[in-house]
């Protein structure tokens, strides 16, 4: 049986990232922090990556994409690109929580994995996971939580904690604790390669089922609710 080729796409943050894997072997990955919008950057990034790896888009059997939380515009662009390619290829789709993909960055860190992404003021996007023998287990749902409340939750856990995400440095600086450390810079932010690996553990869906999870109302939704009230 031919191994499954997976294309991972992450546009949830400021950096666009794409990766290609053969099952759990990462063939290649490319990331770019650019002044271009994700809509301008992600498709050329995927095209060049596939070319460099000697793979055609027709060879891809699954598309894994970050579905949030993250940048409203970035998530929509990534999901739209994943849907378009999946429909064209008749490929499987896998929408993966940005927080869960961050946890998969740290499969070599046994203990508690705590992705922290900036939301607003003292609030962060967060979920808590456990890693044991390279297996990631979810301990909480994705949520918006006050940083102090999160720290109190982590203090009640009897294991070392590794924090990553764009809110990790500020969190560890403001809540210093010898049991809580930040991930290395290479593993701190979103990686499309982690989407590829996570997609092996998460059920696939049809392209039309892909949707973004913002965890808070978008600007348009806030304006609509204001007008209603």
C-alpha atoms as a PDB file:
ATOM      1  CA  UNK A   1       0.000   0.000   0.000  1.00  0.00           C
ATOM      2  CA  UNK A   2       1.345   3.415  -0.961  1.00  0.00           C
ATOM      3  CA  UNK A   3       2.196   5.689   1.967  1.00  0.00           C
ATOM      4  CA  UNK A   4      -0.051   8.707   2.444  1.00  0.00           C
ATOM      5  CA  UNK A   5       1.344  12.079   1.386  1.00  0.00           C
ATOM      6  CA  UNK A   6       0.034  14.880   3.599  1.00  0.00           C
ATOM      7  CA  UNK A   7       0.227  18.609   2.878  1.00  0.00           C
ATOM      8  CA  UNK A   8       0.080  20.809   5.987  1.00  0.00           C
ATOM      9  CA  UNK A   9      -0.906  24.487   5.790  1.00  0.00           C
ATOM     10  CA  UNK A  10      -0.729  26.997   8.644  1.00  0.00           C
ATOM     11  CA  UNK A  11      -1.817  30.614   8.226  1.00  0.00           C
ATOM     12  CA  UNK A  12      -3.063  31.157  11.780  1.00  0.00           C
ATOM     13  CA  UNK A  13      -0.290  33.579  12.775  1.00  0.00           C
ATOM     14  CA  UNK A  14       2.062  36.129  11.264  1.00  0.00           C
ATOM     15  CA  UNK A  15       4.144  33.441   9.554  1.00  0.00           C
ATOM     16  CA  UNK A  16       2.836  31.312   6.699  1.00  0.00           C
ATOM     17  CA  UNK A  17       3.996  27.705   6.874  1.00  0.00           C
ATOM     18  CA  UNK A  18       3.651  24.649   4.645  1.00  0.00           C
ATOM     19  CA  UNK A  19       4.952  21.105   5.045  1.00  0.00           C
ATOM     20  CA  UNK A  20       4.758  17.791   3.237  1.00  0.00           C
ATOM     21  CA  UNK A  21       5.009  14.415   4.950  1.00  0.00           C
ATOM     22  CA  UNK A  22       4.884  10.770   4.007  1.00  0.00           C
ATOM     23  CA  UNK A  23       2.853   9.438   6.905  1.00  0.00           C
ATOM     24  CA  UNK A  24       4.951  10.512   9.940  1.00  0.00           C
ATOM     25  CA  UNK A  25       8.142  11.303   7.989  1.00  0.00           C
ATOM     26  CA  UNK A  26       8.546  15.014   7.250  1.00  0.00           C
ATOM     27  CA  UNK A  27       9.845  15.353   3.699  1.00  0.00           C
ATOM     28  CA  UNK A  28      10.054  19.138   3.714  1.00  0.00           C
ATOM     29  CA  UNK A  29       8.831  22.301   5.402  1.00  0.00           C
ATOM     30  CA  UNK A  30       8.916  25.981   4.493  1.00  0.00           C
ATOM     31  CA  UNK A  31       7.954  29.025   6.546  1.00  0.00           C
ATOM     32  CA  UNK A  32       8.028  32.688   5.659  1.00  0.00           C
ATOM     33  CA  UNK A  33       7.456  35.899   7.594  1.00  0.00           C
ATOM     34  CA  UNK A  34       6.627  38.386   4.874  1.00  0.00           C
ATOM     35  CA  UNK A  35       4.950  41.698   4.154  1.00  0.00           C
ATOM     36  CA  UNK A  36       2.756  39.839   1.674  1.00  0.00           C
ATOM     37  CA  UNK A  37      -0.688  38.780   2.811  1.00  0.00           C
ATOM     38  CA  UNK A  38      -1.246  35.077   3.435  1.00  0.00           C
ATOM     39  CA  UNK A  39      -3.455  35.020   0.335  1.00  0.00           C
ATOM     40  CA  UNK A  40      -0.416  36.081  -1.717  1.00  0.00           C
ATOM     41  CA  UNK A  41       2.118  33.904   0.100  1.00  0.00           C
ATOM     42  CA  UNK A  42       0.618  30.513   0.908  1.00  0.00           C
ATOM     43  CA  UNK A  43      -0.025  29.050  -2.566  1.00  0.00           C
ATOM     44  CA  UNK A  44       3.434  29.961  -3.973  1.00  0.00           C
ATOM     45  CA  UNK A  45       4.924  28.579  -0.747  1.00  0.00           C
ATOM     46  CA  UNK A  46       3.108  25.254  -1.243  1.00  0.00           C
ATOM     47  CA  UNK A  47       3.956  25.133  -4.947  1.00  0.00           C
ATOM     48  CA  UNK A  48       7.668  25.747  -4.390  1.00  0.00           C
ATOM     49  CA  UNK A  49       7.836  23.281  -1.502  1.00  0.00           C
ATOM     50  CA  UNK A  50       6.251  20.503  -3.550  1.00  0.00           C
ATOM     51  CA  UNK A  51       8.597  21.246  -6.451  1.00  0.00           C
ATOM     52  CA  UNK A  52      11.661  21.169  -4.184  1.00  0.00           C
ATOM     53  CA  UNK A  53      10.518  17.817  -2.758  1.00  0.00           C
ATOM     54  CA  UNK A  54       9.936  16.331  -6.210  1.00  0.00           C
ATOM     55  CA  UNK A  55       6.225  15.888  -5.530  1.00  0.00           C
ATOM     56  CA  UNK A  56       3.239  17.039  -7.565  1.00  0.00           C
ATOM     57  CA  UNK A  57       0.023  18.286  -6.030  1.00  0.00           C
ATOM     58  CA  UNK A  58      -1.765  15.304  -7.589  1.00  0.00           C
ATOM     59  CA  UNK A  59       0.318  13.009  -5.342  1.00  0.00           C
ATOM     60  CA  UNK A  60      -1.159  14.540  -2.166  1.00  0.00           C
ATOM     61  CA  UNK A  61      -3.797  12.411  -0.430  1.00  0.00           C
ATOM     62  CA  UNK A  62      -4.622  14.556   2.596  1.00  0.00           C
ATOM     63  CA  UNK A  63      -4.676  18.286   3.410  1.00  0.00           C
ATOM     64  CA  UNK A  64      -4.131  19.258   7.055  1.00  0.00           C
ATOM     65  CA  UNK A  65      -4.913  22.856   7.984  1.00  0.00           C
ATOM     66  CA  UNK A  66      -4.988  24.948  11.133  1.00  0.00           C
ATOM     67  CA  UNK A  67      -8.579  25.895  11.980  1.00  0.00           C
ATOM     68  CA  UNK A  68      -7.960  28.258  14.894  1.00  0.00           C
ATOM     69  CA  UNK A  69      -7.747  30.070  17.113  1.00  0.00           C
ATOM     70  CA  UNK A  70      -5.625  32.687  15.412  1.00  0.00           C
ATOM     71  CA  UNK A  71      -5.787  35.494  12.891  1.00  0.00           C
ATOM     72  CA  UNK A  72      -9.338  35.867  11.556  1.00  0.00           C
ATOM     73  CA  UNK A  73      -8.172  36.665   8.036  1.00  0.00           C
ATOM     74  CA  UNK A  74      -5.302  34.184   8.082  1.00  0.00           C
ATOM     75  CA  UNK A  75      -7.518  31.292   9.144  1.00  0.00           C
ATOM     76  CA  UNK A  76     -10.066  32.023   6.431  1.00  0.00           C
ATOM     77  CA  UNK A  77      -7.328  32.115   3.787  1.00  0.00           C
ATOM     78  CA  UNK A  78      -5.748  28.843   4.900  1.00  0.00           C
ATOM     79  CA  UNK A  79      -9.055  27.005   5.149  1.00  0.00           C
ATOM     80  CA  UNK A  80     -10.199  28.309   1.750  1.00  0.00           C
ATOM     81  CA  UNK A  81      -6.935  27.127   0.175  1.00  0.00           C
ATOM     82  CA  UNK A  82      -7.245  23.708   1.825  1.00  0.00           C
ATOM     83  CA  UNK A  83     -10.845  23.325   0.657  1.00  0.00           C
ATOM     84  CA  UNK A  84     -10.000  24.311  -2.916  1.00  0.00           C
ATOM     85  CA  UNK A  85      -7.118  21.844  -3.151  1.00  0.00           C
ATOM     86  CA  UNK A  86      -9.053  19.045  -1.451  1.00  0.00           C
ATOM     87  CA  UNK A  87     -12.024  19.444  -3.803  1.00  0.00           C
ATOM     88  CA  UNK A  88      -9.725  19.503  -6.839  1.00  0.00           C
ATOM     89  CA  UNK A  89      -7.771  16.433  -5.699  1.00  0.00           C
ATOM     90  CA  UNK A  90     -10.658  14.540  -4.113  1.00  0.00           C
ATOM     91  CA  UNK A  91      -8.368  14.406  -1.072  1.00  0.00           C
ATOM     92  CA  UNK A  92      -9.068  13.954   2.621  1.00  0.00           C
ATOM     93  CA  UNK A  93      -9.158  17.026   4.876  1.00  0.00           C
ATOM     94  CA  UNK A  94      -8.190  17.436   8.492  1.00  0.00           C
ATOM     95  CA  UNK A  95      -8.945  20.644  10.394  1.00  0.00           C
ATOM     96  CA  UNK A  96      -6.714  20.892  13.457  1.00  0.00           C
ATOM     97  CA  UNK A  97      -6.798  23.227  16.436  1.00  0.00           C
ATOM     98  CA  UNK A  98      -3.880  25.653  16.367  1.00  0.00           C
ATOM     99  CA  UNK A  99      -3.350  24.908  20.057  1.00  0.00           C
ATOM    100  CA  UNK A 100      -3.254  21.168  19.420  1.00  0.00           C
ATOM    101  CA  UNK A 101      -0.753  21.596  16.597  1.00  0.00           C
ATOM    102  CA  UNK A 102       1.448  23.618  18.974  1.00  0.00           C
ATOM    103  CA  UNK A 103       1.303  20.701  21.414  1.00  0.00           C
ATOM    104  CA  UNK A 104       2.536  18.396  18.644  1.00  0.00           C
ATOM    105  CA  UNK A 105       5.647  20.586  18.370  1.00  0.00           C
ATOM    106  CA  UNK A 106       6.673  19.142  21.732  1.00  0.00           C
ATOM    107  CA  UNK A 107       6.316  15.375  21.400  1.00  0.00           C
ATOM    108  CA  UNK A 108       9.821  14.981  22.861  1.00  0.00           C
ATOM    109  CA  UNK A 109       8.847  16.828  26.069  1.00  0.00           C
ATOM    110  CA  UNK A 110       7.231  14.410  28.519  1.00  0.00           C
ATOM    111  CA  UNK A 111       4.943  16.172  30.984  1.00  0.00           C
ATOM    112  CA  UNK A 112       2.323  18.896  30.658  1.00  0.00           C
ATOM    113  CA  UNK A 113       2.226  20.872  27.405  1.00  0.00           C
ATOM    114  CA  UNK A 114       0.589  24.286  27.657  1.00  0.00           C
ATOM    115  CA  UNK A 115       0.191  26.305  24.431  1.00  0.00           C
ATOM    116  CA  UNK A 116      -0.528  29.979  25.151  1.00  0.00           C
ATOM    117  CA  UNK A 117      -1.567  32.392  22.394  1.00  0.00           C
ATOM    118  CA  UNK A 118      -2.243  36.083  22.909  1.00  0.00           C
ATOM    119  CA  UNK A 119      -5.920  37.057  22.832  1.00  0.00           C
ATOM    120  CA  UNK A 120      -6.427  40.446  24.486  1.00  0.00           C
ATOM    121  CA  UNK A 121      -5.303  42.169  27.697  1.00  0.00           C
ATOM    122  CA  UNK A 122      -4.863  39.471  30.371  1.00  0.00           C
ATOM    123  CA  UNK A 123      -6.695  36.834  28.321  1.00  0.00           C
ATOM    124  CA  UNK A 124      -5.022  34.097  26.284  1.00  0.00           C
ATOM    125  CA  UNK A 125      -6.098  31.260  24.036  1.00  0.00           C
ATOM    126  CA  UNK A 126      -5.117  28.029  25.728  1.00  0.00           C
ATOM    127  CA  UNK A 127      -5.536  24.294  26.032  1.00  0.00           C
ATOM    128  CA  UNK A 128      -3.610  21.854  28.198  1.00  0.00           C
ATOM    129  CA  UNK A 129      -2.175  18.560  26.972  1.00  0.00           C
ATOM    130  CA  UNK A 130      -0.083  15.738  28.375  1.00  0.00           C
ATOM    131  CA  UNK A 131       2.814  14.168  26.511  1.00  0.00           C
ATOM    132  CA  UNK A 132       3.995  10.686  27.402  1.00  0.00           C
ATOM    133  CA  UNK A 133       6.208   8.516  25.201  1.00  0.00           C
ATOM    134  CA  UNK A 134       5.628  10.911  22.277  1.00  0.00           C
ATOM    135  CA  UNK A 135       1.843  10.540  22.560  1.00  0.00           C
ATOM    136  CA  UNK A 136      -0.227  13.720  22.981  1.00  0.00           C
ATOM    137  CA  UNK A 137      -3.371  13.521  25.134  1.00  0.00           C
ATOM    138  CA  UNK A 138      -5.766  16.453  25.460  1.00  0.00           C
ATOM    139  CA  UNK A 139      -6.597  17.451  29.060  1.00  0.00           C
ATOM    140  CA  UNK A 140      -8.799  20.495  28.359  1.00  0.00           C
ATOM    141  CA  UNK A 141     -10.844  22.024  25.584  1.00  0.00           C
ATOM    142  CA  UNK A 142      -9.637  25.064  23.656  1.00  0.00           C
ATOM    143  CA  UNK A 143     -10.625  28.162  25.618  1.00  0.00           C
ATOM    144  CA  UNK A 144     -10.039  31.809  26.385  1.00  0.00           C
ATOM    145  CA  UNK A 145      -8.732  32.107  29.926  1.00  0.00           C
ATOM    146  CA  UNK A 146      -7.260  34.722  32.253  1.00  0.00           C
ATOM    147  CA  UNK A 147      -3.511  34.236  32.632  1.00  0.00           C
ATOM    148  CA  UNK A 148      -3.634  34.246  36.442  1.00  0.00           C
ATOM    149  CA  UNK A 149      -6.351  31.586  36.429  1.00  0.00           C
ATOM    150  CA  UNK A 150      -4.270  29.493  34.040  1.00  0.00           C
ATOM    151  CA  UNK A 151      -1.229  29.810  36.289  1.00  0.00           C
ATOM    152  CA  UNK A 152      -3.258  28.619  39.276  1.00  0.00           C
ATOM    153  CA  UNK A 153      -4.418  25.590  37.271  1.00  0.00           C
ATOM    154  CA  UNK A 154      -0.847  24.735  36.300  1.00  0.00           C
ATOM    155  CA  UNK A 155       0.299  25.057  39.924  1.00  0.00           C
ATOM    156  CA  UNK A 156      -2.120  22.276  40.812  1.00  0.00           C
ATOM    157  CA  UNK A 157      -0.506  19.828  38.389  1.00  0.00           C
ATOM    158  CA  UNK A 158       2.111  17.369  39.620  1.00  0.00           C
ATOM    159  CA  UNK A 159       4.325  17.484  36.550  1.00  0.00           C
ATOM    160  CA  UNK A 160       6.722  19.851  34.841  1.00  0.00           C
ATOM    161  CA  UNK A 161       5.095  22.209  32.343  1.00  0.00           C
ATOM    162  CA  UNK A 162       6.391  23.352  28.951  1.00  0.00           C
ATOM    163  CA  UNK A 163       4.746  26.460  27.496  1.00  0.00           C
ATOM    164  CA  UNK A 164       4.812  27.507  23.841  1.00  0.00           C
ATOM    165  CA  UNK A 165       2.928  29.872  21.551  1.00  0.00           C
ATOM    166  CA  UNK A 166       3.299  33.625  21.046  1.00  0.00           C
ATOM    167  CA  UNK A 167       2.169  34.285  24.628  1.00  0.00           C
ATOM    168  CA  UNK A 168       4.678  31.918  26.246  1.00  0.00           C
ATOM    169  CA  UNK A 169       7.492  34.375  26.961  1.00  0.00           C
ATOM    170  CA  UNK A 170       5.243  36.964  28.615  1.00  0.00           C
ATOM    171  CA  UNK A 171       3.444  34.286  30.627  1.00  0.00           C
ATOM    172  CA  UNK A 172       6.648  32.787  32.031  1.00  0.00           C
ATOM    173  CA  UNK A 173       8.095  36.246  32.705  1.00  0.00           C
ATOM    174  CA  UNK A 174       5.020  37.448  34.604  1.00  0.00           C
ATOM    175  CA  UNK A 175       4.429  34.146  36.443  1.00  0.00           C
ATOM    176  CA  UNK A 176       7.917  32.779  37.183  1.00  0.00           C
ATOM    177  CA  UNK A 177       7.960  29.216  38.469  1.00  0.00           C
ATOM    178  CA  UNK A 178      10.782  26.679  38.469  1.00  0.00           C
ATOM    179  CA  UNK A 179       8.421  23.961  37.216  1.00  0.00           C
ATOM    180  CA  UNK A 180       7.240  25.992  34.213  1.00  0.00           C
ATOM    181  CA  UNK A 181       9.554  26.635  31.253  1.00  0.00           C
ATOM    182  CA  UNK A 182       9.222  27.997  27.740  1.00  0.00           C
ATOM    183  CA  UNK A 183       9.861  25.827  24.720  1.00  0.00           C
ATOM    184  CA  UNK A 184      12.959  26.367  22.608  1.00  0.00           C
ATOM    185  CA  UNK A 185      12.622  29.093  19.941  1.00  0.00           C
ATOM    186  CA  UNK A 186      12.428  26.515  17.140  1.00  0.00           C
ATOM    187  CA  UNK A 187       9.381  24.872  18.737  1.00  0.00           C
ATOM    188  CA  UNK A 188       7.651  27.924  20.172  1.00  0.00           C
ATOM    189  CA  UNK A 189       5.497  28.902  17.200  1.00  0.00           C
ATOM    190  CA  UNK A 190       3.159  27.229  14.717  1.00  0.00           C
ATOM    191  CA  UNK A 191       4.722  24.662  12.376  1.00  0.00           C
ATOM    192  CA  UNK A 192       2.925  23.097   9.434  1.00  0.00           C
ATOM    193  CA  UNK A 193       4.926  19.901  10.010  1.00  0.00           C
ATOM    194  CA  UNK A 194       3.099  19.446  13.313  1.00  0.00           C
ATOM    195  CA  UNK A 195      -0.221  19.644  11.457  1.00  0.00           C
ATOM    196  CA  UNK A 196       0.907  16.737   9.272  1.00  0.00           C
ATOM    197  CA  UNK A 197       1.782  14.617  12.313  1.00  0.00           C
ATOM    198  CA  UNK A 198      -1.351  15.583  14.257  1.00  0.00           C
ATOM    199  CA  UNK A 199      -3.538  14.660  11.276  1.00  0.00           C
ATOM    200  CA  UNK A 200      -2.521  11.016  11.736  1.00  0.00           C
ATOM    201  CA  UNK A 201      -4.334  11.009  15.106  1.00  0.00           C
ATOM    202  CA  UNK A 202      -7.337  13.181  14.207  1.00  0.00           C
ATOM    203  CA  UNK A 203     -10.269  12.013  12.039  1.00  0.00           C
ATOM    204  CA  UNK A 204     -10.519  13.433   8.528  1.00  0.00           C
ATOM    205  CA  UNK A 205     -13.597  15.271   7.270  1.00  0.00           C
ATOM    206  CA  UNK A 206     -15.004  16.276   3.904  1.00  0.00           C
ATOM    207  CA  UNK A 207     -13.811  19.685   2.624  1.00  0.00           C
ATOM    208  CA  UNK A 208     -17.182  21.360   3.165  1.00  0.00           C
ATOM    209  CA  UNK A 209     -16.990  20.491   6.871  1.00  0.00           C
ATOM    210  CA  UNK A 210     -13.856  22.573   7.447  1.00  0.00           C
ATOM    211  CA  UNK A 211     -14.536  25.729   9.448  1.00  0.00           C
ATOM    212  CA  UNK A 212     -12.634  28.195  11.601  1.00  0.00           C
ATOM    213  CA  UNK A 213     -12.824  28.241  15.397  1.00  0.00           C
ATOM    214  CA  UNK A 214     -12.145  31.771  16.616  1.00  0.00           C
ATOM    215  CA  UNK A 215     -13.139  31.238  20.296  1.00  0.00           C
ATOM    216  CA  UNK A 216     -14.464  34.805  20.368  1.00  0.00           C
ATOM    217  CA  UNK A 217     -16.772  36.860  18.138  1.00  0.00           C
ATOM    218  CA  UNK A 218     -15.289  38.344  14.980  1.00  0.00           C
ATOM    219  CA  UNK A 219     -15.448  42.100  14.416  1.00  0.00           C
ATOM    220  CA  UNK A 220     -18.420  41.628  12.073  1.00  0.00           C
ATOM    221  CA  UNK A 221     -20.254  39.522  14.661  1.00  0.00           C
ATOM    222  CA  UNK A 222     -19.584  42.113  17.381  1.00  0.00           C
ATOM    223  CA  UNK A 223     -20.986  44.879  15.156  1.00  0.00           C
ATOM    224  CA  UNK A 224     -24.051  42.776  14.334  1.00  0.00           C
ATOM    225  CA  UNK A 225     -24.717  42.095  18.019  1.00  0.00           C
ATOM    226  CA  UNK A 226     -24.270  45.793  18.820  1.00  0.00           C
ATOM    227  CA  UNK A 227     -26.786  46.755  16.125  1.00  0.00           C
ATOM    228  CA  UNK A 228     -29.292  44.198  17.430  1.00  0.00           C
ATOM    229  CA  UNK A 229     -29.029  45.517  20.981  1.00  0.00           C
END
